[in-house]
Amino acid sequence: MWKHAIALLALCASATALKCVQCETKVSAECMDPMNSTAIAAHTRTCGSRQLCRKITFTEGGKDHVKRDCAELAKDDSVGCGWEIRVSSKTGSGWDCFCEEDMCNGAGTAAAGGVLLLVAAALLSGAQ
């Protein structure tokens, strides 16, 4: 009986695991936007519990980069996009986006929220 209960719990846990794209342009150029469906499928991974999909878009040394992975929210983070990013304990600028749907960090959808925030900020600053 216990074996069946444990198997059922394992099945339920695996059914709810989030799938995200995991790649970065420093290693694989196909990670850059826009990604095609073949590249998305090749880089899809299952995240651990309490992890969400993450997409970071930043410029370093004059080159645009994208990093997509599974990550836990830090206490200052939330679902959606923020402008300031933290990489290797250093603070820089770029879009840091968290989303909670399968492969939501694979296409432009994770970055779309960031673009909308930028447009809203520009409109608000122009209205003053």
Protein backbone atom coordinates (compact mmCIF):
# COMPACT_ATOMS: atom_id res chain seq x y z
CA MET A 1 0.00 0.00 0.00
CA TRP A 2 2.77 2.46 0.94
CA LYS A 3 4.59 1.72 -2.31
CA HIS A 4 1.50 2.75 -4.28
CA ALA A 5 1.10 5.96 -2.26
CA ILE A 6 4.77 6.89 -2.77
CA ALA A 7 4.53 6.15 -6.50
CA LEU A 8 1.41 8.34 -6.75
CA LEU A 9 3.13 11.21 -4.93
CA ALA A 10 6.17 10.93 -7.19
CA LEU A 11 3.94 10.98 -10.26
CA CYS A 12 2.08 14.07 -9.02
CA ALA A 13 5.33 15.85 -8.22
CA SER A 14 6.78 15.15 -11.66
CA ALA A 15 3.56 16.22 -13.37
CA THR A 16 3.79 19.67 -11.80
CA ALA A 17 7.51 20.25 -12.41
CA LEU A 18 8.14 23.39 -14.43
CA LYS A 19 10.00 23.07 -17.73
CA CYS A 20 12.25 25.97 -18.74
CA VAL A 21 14.77 26.79 -21.42
CA GLN A 22 18.35 26.63 -20.11
CA CYS A 23 21.09 28.18 -22.25
CA GLU A 24 23.21 31.28 -22.60
CA THR A 25 24.55 33.16 -25.61
CA LYS A 26 28.12 33.09 -24.28
CA VAL A 27 28.02 29.31 -24.90
CA SER A 28 25.37 28.91 -27.61
CA ALA A 29 24.50 31.63 -30.13
CA GLU A 30 21.11 29.99 -30.74
CA CYS A 31 20.04 31.21 -27.28
CA MET A 32 19.76 34.80 -28.61
CA ASP A 33 16.30 36.19 -29.36
CA PRO A 34 14.39 35.11 -31.26
CA MET A 35 14.85 31.42 -30.50
CA ASN A 36 13.30 28.96 -32.92
CA SER A 37 11.25 25.98 -31.77
CA THR A 38 14.08 23.51 -32.52
CA ALA A 39 16.51 25.43 -30.28
CA ILE A 40 13.88 25.76 -27.54
CA ALA A 41 13.24 22.00 -27.59
CA ALA A 42 16.98 21.22 -27.51
CA HIS A 43 17.55 23.40 -24.43
CA THR A 44 14.43 22.54 -22.39
CA ARG A 45 15.11 21.27 -18.85
CA THR A 46 12.95 20.35 -15.86
CA CYS A 47 13.39 22.73 -12.93
CA GLY A 48 13.70 21.78 -9.30
CA SER A 49 10.94 22.43 -6.80
CA ARG A 50 10.44 26.11 -5.89
CA GLN A 51 12.21 27.21 -9.08
CA LEU A 52 10.75 29.41 -11.80
CA CYS A 53 11.89 30.13 -15.35
CA ARG A 54 14.30 33.04 -15.61
CA LYS A 55 15.55 35.09 -18.54
CA ILE A 56 18.29 37.69 -18.21
CA THR A 57 19.01 40.08 -21.08
CA PHE A 58 22.08 42.29 -20.69
CA THR A 59 24.92 44.03 -22.52
CA GLU A 60 28.52 43.27 -21.64
CA GLY A 61 31.54 44.61 -23.48
CA GLY A 62 29.28 46.12 -26.13
CA LYS A 63 27.66 42.74 -26.93
CA ASP A 64 24.09 41.73 -26.18
CA HIS A 65 23.67 38.52 -24.18
CA VAL A 66 20.79 36.34 -23.02
CA LYS A 67 20.84 33.78 -20.24
CA ARG A 68 17.86 31.47 -19.66
CA ASP A 69 17.61 29.05 -16.74
CA CYS A 70 15.70 27.78 -13.73
CA ALA A 71 16.12 29.84 -10.58
CA GLU A 72 14.56 30.50 -7.21
CA LEU A 73 13.27 33.95 -6.47
CA ALA A 74 15.53 35.97 -4.18
CA LYS A 75 13.74 37.90 -1.44
CA ASP A 76 13.88 41.11 -3.52
CA ASP A 77 12.61 39.45 -6.73
CA SER A 78 9.09 38.79 -7.96
CA VAL A 79 7.40 37.26 -11.00
CA GLY A 80 7.76 39.70 -13.88
CA CYS A 81 10.70 41.80 -15.00
CA GLY A 82 13.05 44.15 -13.23
CA TRP A 83 15.75 46.39 -14.67
CA GLU A 84 18.58 45.79 -12.21
CA ILE A 85 20.31 42.41 -12.30
CA ARG A 86 22.74 40.64 -10.01
CA VAL A 87 25.38 38.44 -11.62
CA SER A 88 28.16 36.82 -9.57
CA SER A 89 27.34 39.07 -6.58
CA LYS A 90 27.79 42.20 -8.69
CA THR A 91 24.98 44.55 -9.65
CA GLY A 92 24.56 45.60 -13.27
CA SER A 93 21.82 46.67 -15.60
CA GLY A 94 19.68 44.61 -17.90
CA TRP A 95 16.33 42.82 -17.80
CA ASP A 96 15.91 40.10 -15.19
CA CYS A 97 12.60 38.31 -15.77
CA PHE A 98 10.91 35.49 -13.86
CA CYS A 99 7.86 33.62 -15.19
CA GLU A 100 5.99 30.54 -14.05
CA GLU A 101 4.67 28.74 -17.12
CA ASP A 102 6.36 25.94 -19.07
CA MET A 103 9.09 27.32 -21.37
CA CYS A 104 7.94 30.92 -20.84
CA ASN A 105 11.59 32.04 -20.91
CA GLY A 106 12.15 30.58 -24.38
CA ALA A 107 10.47 33.15 -26.54
CA GLY A 108 10.13 36.89 -26.35
CA THR A 109 7.24 36.53 -23.87
CA ALA A 110 9.41 36.72 -20.75
CA ALA A 111 11.00 39.89 -22.08
CA ALA A 112 7.70 41.37 -23.24
CA GLY A 113 6.80 42.36 -19.70
CA GLY A 114 10.10 44.22 -19.42
CA VAL A 115 9.49 46.08 -22.66
CA LEU A 116 6.05 47.08 -21.42
CA LEU A 117 7.59 48.37 -18.18
CA LEU A 118 10.10 50.43 -20.17
CA VAL A 119 7.36 51.93 -22.37
CA ALA A 120 5.22 52.72 -19.30
CA ALA A 121 8.19 54.40 -17.57
CA ALA A 122 8.91 56.49 -20.67
CA LEU A 123 5.27 57.55 -20.92
CA LEU A 124 5.09 58.45 -17.24
CA SER A 125 8.31 60.49 -17.34
CA GLY A 126 7.09 62.30 -20.46
CA ALA A 127 3.76 63.15 -18.81
CA GLN A 128 5.43 65.10 -15.99
